[in-house]
Amino acid sequence: MSATEQAVLFSCAQETQVGILSLPTEPAQVAVVIAVGGPQYRAGSHRQFVLLARRLATAGYAVLRFDYRGMGDSSGTAKDFLNASPDIAAAINTLHEHSPQIRSTVIWGLCDAASAALLYLQDTQDTRVTGLCLLNPWVRSETSLARTQVKHYYIQRLMQRTFWTKLLSGQVAWSALKGLANNIRLSRTTSPSRGSGNLPFQQRMANGWMNFDGRILLLLSGNDYTAKEFLEYAGVDAAWSRAFQHKQLERHDLTNADHTFSNRLAQVAVENLTLDWLAKTGNPVK
């Protein structure tokens, strides 16, 4: 199916946001908003969002990728993922205005954009959103980072003969062992970061996840500490305890993929998984 691309301008809190709308000749009733992780703009790392939007559009899905306020070509003061809900709402409004046949929207987000998507649902309960595609969600706290580093870095290093050889020869400073001890101490504490509300943002994310009645596609990279940290956090935090039992969750682990799925095989795999999942969420017009 053929598709066109056009720049769109839309307002958010008296600022002007810039987006690129990829519009098929016969759009499906479900469309996709690509939220970006920060700090970056609508093209994404290695043009990831450009390639994804074009692939989805030629398959029949309208797609809007856009810059948050203060990022890329949008005006205003830069907003982080904790304060991106108004930006996402404005993007969804714009997508529906430009393609009236759209009945529902999927939010696609990588890293803290996945976090922003969950926070958006927690903030708004927007019924137009029927699906979430979340890649390597960001749940960073001092504790979760320490726990991940201990499990996936330090323990492996301590089991390597080369580490001890370098340590005894003076090539590795004793400060490295002090760093391990500090991370072990931190990993045993509970100190989640707090967002703009009274609850830590990680718990607000969990609430958005658990209260969402739509479909969730979770894609996790095997070669990525952010993904490992998410699994660690979800495995021990009470708010996330039932996350993987969500009745409409579909999860895929891409063993050799890095954080941004930068090699072409991983990129195509993400595109294919997204398309397969979208076909279940809302069939494109043929």
Protein backbone atom coordinates (compact mmCIF):
# COMPACT_ATOMS: atom_id res chain seq x y z
CA MET A 1 0.00 0.00 0.00
CA SER A 2 1.28 3.47 -0.81
CA ALA A 3 1.63 6.12 1.87
CA THR A 4 2.53 9.79 2.10
CA GLU A 5 4.48 11.78 4.68
CA GLN A 6 3.72 15.30 5.78
CA ALA A 7 4.90 17.63 8.50
CA VAL A 8 2.23 18.69 10.99
CA LEU A 9 2.20 21.45 13.59
CA PHE A 10 0.03 21.27 16.67
CA SER A 11 -0.33 23.13 19.96
CA CYS A 12 0.37 22.02 23.49
CA ALA A 13 0.18 24.43 26.43
CA GLN A 14 0.68 27.43 24.10
CA GLU A 15 3.77 25.87 22.51
CA THR A 16 4.11 24.47 18.99
CA GLN A 17 4.97 20.83 18.50
CA VAL A 18 6.31 19.36 15.27
CA GLY A 19 5.48 15.90 13.98
CA ILE A 20 5.68 13.78 10.86
CA LEU A 21 2.47 12.05 9.82
CA SER A 22 2.80 8.89 7.72
CA LEU A 23 -0.59 8.34 6.12
CA PRO A 24 -1.61 5.32 4.01
CA THR A 25 -4.04 5.72 1.13
CA GLU A 26 -6.56 3.60 3.04
CA PRO A 27 -5.77 3.89 6.76
CA ALA A 28 -6.85 1.22 9.21
CA GLN A 29 -9.15 2.15 12.08
CA VAL A 30 -6.26 1.77 14.52
CA ALA A 31 -3.33 4.18 14.31
CA VAL A 32 0.05 4.47 16.01
CA VAL A 33 1.65 7.31 17.93
CA ILE A 34 5.40 6.87 18.35
CA ALA A 35 6.55 8.53 21.56
CA VAL A 36 10.26 9.25 21.76
CA GLY A 37 12.65 8.59 24.62
CA GLY A 38 14.88 11.40 25.72
CA PRO A 39 16.84 13.22 25.00
CA GLN A 40 16.25 12.71 21.28
CA TYR A 41 13.86 13.77 18.56
CA ARG A 42 11.37 12.17 16.20
CA ALA A 43 13.86 10.38 13.90
CA GLY A 44 15.15 8.14 16.69
CA SER A 45 18.54 6.50 17.02
CA HIS A 46 19.86 5.30 13.64
CA ARG A 47 16.59 6.60 12.10
CA GLN A 48 14.73 3.85 13.92
CA PHE A 49 11.41 5.70 14.13
CA VAL A 50 11.57 6.85 10.53
CA LEU A 51 11.99 3.29 9.28
CA LEU A 52 9.33 1.94 11.63
CA ALA A 53 6.77 4.59 10.70
CA ARG A 54 7.26 4.00 6.98
CA ARG A 55 6.99 0.23 7.35
CA LEU A 56 3.78 0.51 9.37
CA ALA A 57 2.28 3.06 6.99
CA THR A 58 2.86 0.89 3.92
CA ALA A 59 1.09 -1.90 5.83
CA GLY A 60 -1.96 0.33 6.28
CA TYR A 61 -1.47 2.10 9.62
CA ALA A 62 -1.41 5.86 10.08
CA VAL A 63 1.58 6.82 12.22
CA LEU A 64 2.57 10.07 13.93
CA ARG A 65 6.07 10.54 15.35
CA PHE A 66 6.71 13.87 17.03
CA ASP A 67 8.98 16.02 19.17
CA TYR A 68 8.12 16.80 22.77
CA ARG A 69 8.02 20.46 23.74
CA GLY A 70 11.53 21.85 23.89
CA MET A 71 12.98 18.97 21.86
CA GLY A 72 13.88 18.76 18.17
CA ASP A 73 11.91 21.41 16.28
CA SER A 74 9.21 21.93 18.90
CA SER A 75 9.13 25.15 20.88
CA GLY A 76 9.19 25.60 24.64
CA THR A 77 11.16 24.27 27.57
CA ALA A 78 12.31 20.67 27.36
CA LYS A 79 10.04 18.14 29.09
CA ASP A 80 11.18 14.78 30.40
CA PHE A 81 9.14 11.59 30.37
CA LEU A 82 7.63 12.37 33.77
CA ASN A 83 5.86 15.39 32.30
CA ALA A 84 5.09 14.21 28.77
CA SER A 85 1.39 13.37 29.16
CA PRO A 86 0.14 16.68 27.67
CA ASP A 87 2.49 16.19 24.68
CA ILE A 88 1.20 12.66 24.06
CA ALA A 89 -2.42 13.82 24.37
CA ALA A 90 -1.83 16.58 21.82
CA ALA A 91 -0.25 14.07 19.43
CA ILE A 92 -3.19 11.66 19.72
CA ASN A 93 -5.64 14.52 19.14
CA THR A 94 -3.71 15.56 16.04
CA LEU A 95 -3.63 12.05 14.62
CA HIS A 96 -7.40 11.71 14.97
CA GLU A 97 -7.98 15.14 13.46
CA HIS A 98 -5.95 14.33 10.34
CA SER A 99 -7.48 10.89 9.88
CA PRO A 100 -11.13 10.95 11.07
CA GLN A 101 -11.68 7.27 10.25
CA ILE A 102 -9.35 6.29 13.10
CA ARG A 103 -11.23 4.69 15.98
CA SER A 104 -8.39 3.84 18.33
CA THR A 105 -4.71 4.48 18.97
CA VAL A 106 -1.67 2.45 19.95
CA ILE A 107 1.24 4.14 21.73
CA TRP A 108 4.66 2.76 20.77
CA GLY A 109 7.53 3.70 23.07
CA LEU A 110 11.14 2.68 23.74
CA CYS A 111 12.91 3.17 27.08
CA ASP A 112 11.51 6.16 28.98
CA ALA A 113 8.97 6.68 26.19
CA ALA A 114 7.49 3.32 27.26
CA SER A 115 7.42 4.71 30.78
CA ALA A 116 5.77 7.91 29.51
CA ALA A 117 3.07 5.85 27.76
CA LEU A 118 2.18 4.08 31.00
CA LEU A 119 2.22 7.34 32.95
CA TYR A 120 -0.05 8.86 30.29
CA LEU A 121 -2.64 6.15 30.84
CA GLN A 122 -2.36 6.50 34.60
CA ASP A 123 -2.85 10.27 34.26
CA THR A 124 -5.67 10.29 31.70
CA GLN A 125 -7.35 6.86 31.35
CA ASP A 126 -7.68 7.80 27.67
CA THR A 127 -10.19 5.33 26.21
CA ARG A 128 -8.93 6.00 22.67
CA VAL A 129 -5.78 4.07 23.52
CA THR A 130 -6.42 0.37 22.98
CA GLY A 131 -2.85 -0.89 22.82
CA LEU A 132 0.65 -0.27 24.11
CA CYS A 133 3.87 -1.40 22.48
CA LEU A 134 6.57 -1.10 25.15
CA LEU A 135 10.26 -1.72 24.52
CA ASN A 136 12.81 -1.91 27.36
CA PRO A 137 10.78 0.23 29.83
CA TRP A 138 12.75 2.59 32.07
CA VAL A 139 12.28 2.02 35.83
CA ARG A 140 15.64 3.37 37.02
CA SER A 141 16.24 3.91 40.71
CA GLU A 142 19.46 3.85 42.69
CA THR A 143 18.42 0.52 44.17
CA SER A 144 17.38 -1.17 40.93
CA LEU A 145 20.55 -0.04 39.16
CA ALA A 146 22.73 -1.40 41.97
CA ARG A 147 20.82 -4.68 42.02
CA THR A 148 21.20 -5.09 38.25
CA GLN A 149 24.90 -4.28 38.28
CA VAL A 150 25.57 -6.76 41.09
CA LYS A 151 23.71 -9.58 39.35
CA HIS A 152 24.67 -8.99 35.73
CA TYR A 153 28.11 -7.41 35.98
CA TYR A 154 29.97 -7.80 39.25
CA ILE A 155 29.16 -11.46 39.89
CA GLN A 156 30.28 -12.38 36.39
CA ARG A 157 33.49 -10.37 36.80
CA LEU A 158 34.29 -12.04 40.12
CA MET A 159 34.05 -15.43 38.44
CA GLN A 160 36.62 -14.49 35.79
CA ARG A 161 40.22 -15.49 36.40
CA THR A 162 41.45 -12.40 34.53
CA PHE A 163 39.81 -10.13 37.11
CA TRP A 164 41.75 -11.67 40.00
CA THR A 165 44.96 -11.71 38.00
CA LYS A 166 44.60 -7.98 37.30
CA LEU A 167 43.61 -7.29 40.91
CA LEU A 168 46.64 -9.05 42.36
CA SER A 169 48.95 -7.42 39.83
CA GLY A 170 47.64 -3.97 40.68
CA GLN A 171 45.97 -3.42 37.30
CA VAL A 172 42.56 -3.27 38.95
CA ALA A 173 42.23 -0.84 41.83
CA TRP A 174 40.80 -1.89 45.18
CA SER A 175 38.25 0.83 44.57
CA ALA A 176 36.56 -1.63 42.21
CA LEU A 177 35.86 -3.92 45.17
CA LYS A 178 34.65 -0.94 47.17
CA GLY A 179 32.29 -0.18 44.30
CA LEU A 180 30.97 -3.73 44.48
CA ALA A 181 30.42 -3.43 48.23
CA ASN A 182 28.56 -0.15 47.77
CA ASN A 183 26.33 -1.64 45.08
CA ILE A 184 25.54 -4.64 47.29
CA ARG A 185 24.54 -2.26 50.08
CA LEU A 186 22.33 -0.21 47.76
CA SER A 187 20.75 -3.30 46.22
CA ARG A 188 19.36 -4.23 49.63
CA THR A 189 17.59 -0.91 50.12
CA THR A 190 14.31 0.40 48.74
CA SER A 191 14.56 3.94 47.45
CA PRO A 192 12.44 4.38 44.31
CA SER A 193 12.62 7.73 42.54
CA ARG A 194 9.58 9.96 42.81
CA GLY A 195 7.88 11.78 40.00
CA SER A 196 5.63 14.82 40.12
CA GLY A 197 2.95 12.96 42.11
CA ASN A 198 3.01 11.49 45.59
CA LEU A 199 3.78 7.99 44.32
CA PRO A 200 7.14 6.95 42.84
CA PHE A 201 6.94 7.05 39.07
CA GLN A 202 7.63 3.30 38.92
CA GLN A 203 4.47 2.62 40.93
CA ARG A 204 2.46 5.00 38.77
CA MET A 205 3.74 3.06 35.75
CA ALA A 206 2.64 -0.19 37.37
CA ASN A 207 -0.81 1.26 38.07
CA GLY A 208 -1.11 2.34 34.44
CA TRP A 209 -0.11 -1.17 33.34
CA MET A 210 -2.40 -3.09 35.68
CA ASN A 211 -5.44 -0.85 35.13
CA PHE A 212 -5.15 -0.94 31.34
CA ASP A 213 -7.77 -3.14 29.68
CA GLY A 214 -6.15 -3.03 26.25
CA ARG A 215 -3.43 -5.16 24.72
CA ILE A 216 0.25 -4.82 25.67
CA LEU A 217 3.20 -5.86 23.54
CA LEU A 218 6.41 -6.06 25.58
CA LEU A 219 9.71 -6.35 23.70
CA LEU A 220 12.89 -6.85 25.72
CA SER A 221 16.48 -6.81 24.51
CA GLY A 222 18.75 -9.56 25.76
CA ASN A 223 21.85 -7.39 25.55
CA ASP A 224 20.58 -4.37 27.48
CA TYR A 225 20.90 -3.35 31.12
CA THR A 226 17.70 -1.28 30.98
CA ALA A 227 15.71 -4.39 30.05
CA LYS A 228 17.46 -6.44 32.75
CA GLU A 229 16.77 -3.71 35.27
CA PHE A 230 13.09 -3.71 34.34
CA LEU A 231 12.89 -7.47 34.90
CA GLU A 232 14.71 -7.17 38.21
CA TYR A 233 12.42 -4.37 39.37
CA ALA A 234 9.23 -6.12 38.27
CA GLY A 235 10.41 -9.28 39.97
CA VAL A 236 10.77 -7.80 43.45
CA ASP A 237 8.49 -4.75 43.62
CA ALA A 238 5.02 -5.32 45.10
CA ALA A 239 3.29 -2.94 42.68
CA TRP A 240 4.66 -4.93 39.73
CA SER A 241 4.11 -8.39 41.25
CA ARG A 242 1.26 -9.33 38.91
CA ALA A 243 2.46 -7.42 35.84
CA PHE A 244 3.33 -10.48 33.79
CA GLN A 245 -0.07 -11.99 34.50
CA HIS A 246 -1.83 -9.20 32.57
CA LYS A 247 -4.49 -11.01 30.56
CA GLN A 248 -3.64 -9.23 27.31
CA LEU A 249 0.15 -9.21 27.56
CA GLU A 250 2.29 -10.54 24.73
CA ARG A 251 6.01 -10.69 25.49
CA HIS A 252 8.99 -11.34 23.26
CA ASP A 253 12.65 -11.46 24.30
CA LEU A 254 15.13 -10.64 21.52
CA THR A 255 18.22 -12.42 22.80
CA ASN A 256 20.96 -10.67 20.82
CA ALA A 257 19.39 -7.21 20.53
CA ASP A 258 20.88 -4.10 22.15
CA HIS A 259 18.93 -1.26 23.74
CA THR A 260 17.84 0.44 20.50
CA PHE A 261 17.75 -2.70 18.34
CA SER A 262 20.48 -1.08 16.27
CA ASN A 263 21.43 -3.93 13.94
CA ARG A 264 19.22 -4.49 10.92
CA LEU A 265 18.10 -7.97 11.96
CA ALA A 266 16.86 -6.69 15.32
CA GLN A 267 15.20 -3.67 13.69
CA VAL A 268 13.31 -5.86 11.22
CA ALA A 269 12.33 -8.25 14.01
CA VAL A 270 10.81 -5.35 15.97
CA GLU A 271 8.93 -4.16 12.89
CA ASN A 272 7.59 -7.66 12.18
CA LEU A 273 6.53 -8.27 15.77
CA THR A 274 4.81 -4.88 15.88
CA LEU A 275 2.94 -5.58 12.64
CA ASP A 276 1.86 -9.06 13.74
CA TRP A 277 0.62 -7.66 17.02
CA LEU A 278 -1.18 -4.73 15.36
CA ALA A 279 -3.03 -7.16 13.11
CA LYS A 280 -4.57 -8.64 16.26
CA THR A 281 -5.35 -5.19 17.69
CA GLY A 282 -7.08 -3.84 14.59
CA ASN A 283 -6.96 -5.21 11.08
CA PRO A 284 -5.69 -2.77 8.43
CA VAL A 285 -7.84 -1.90 5.45
CA LYS A 286 -6.67 -3.85 2.39
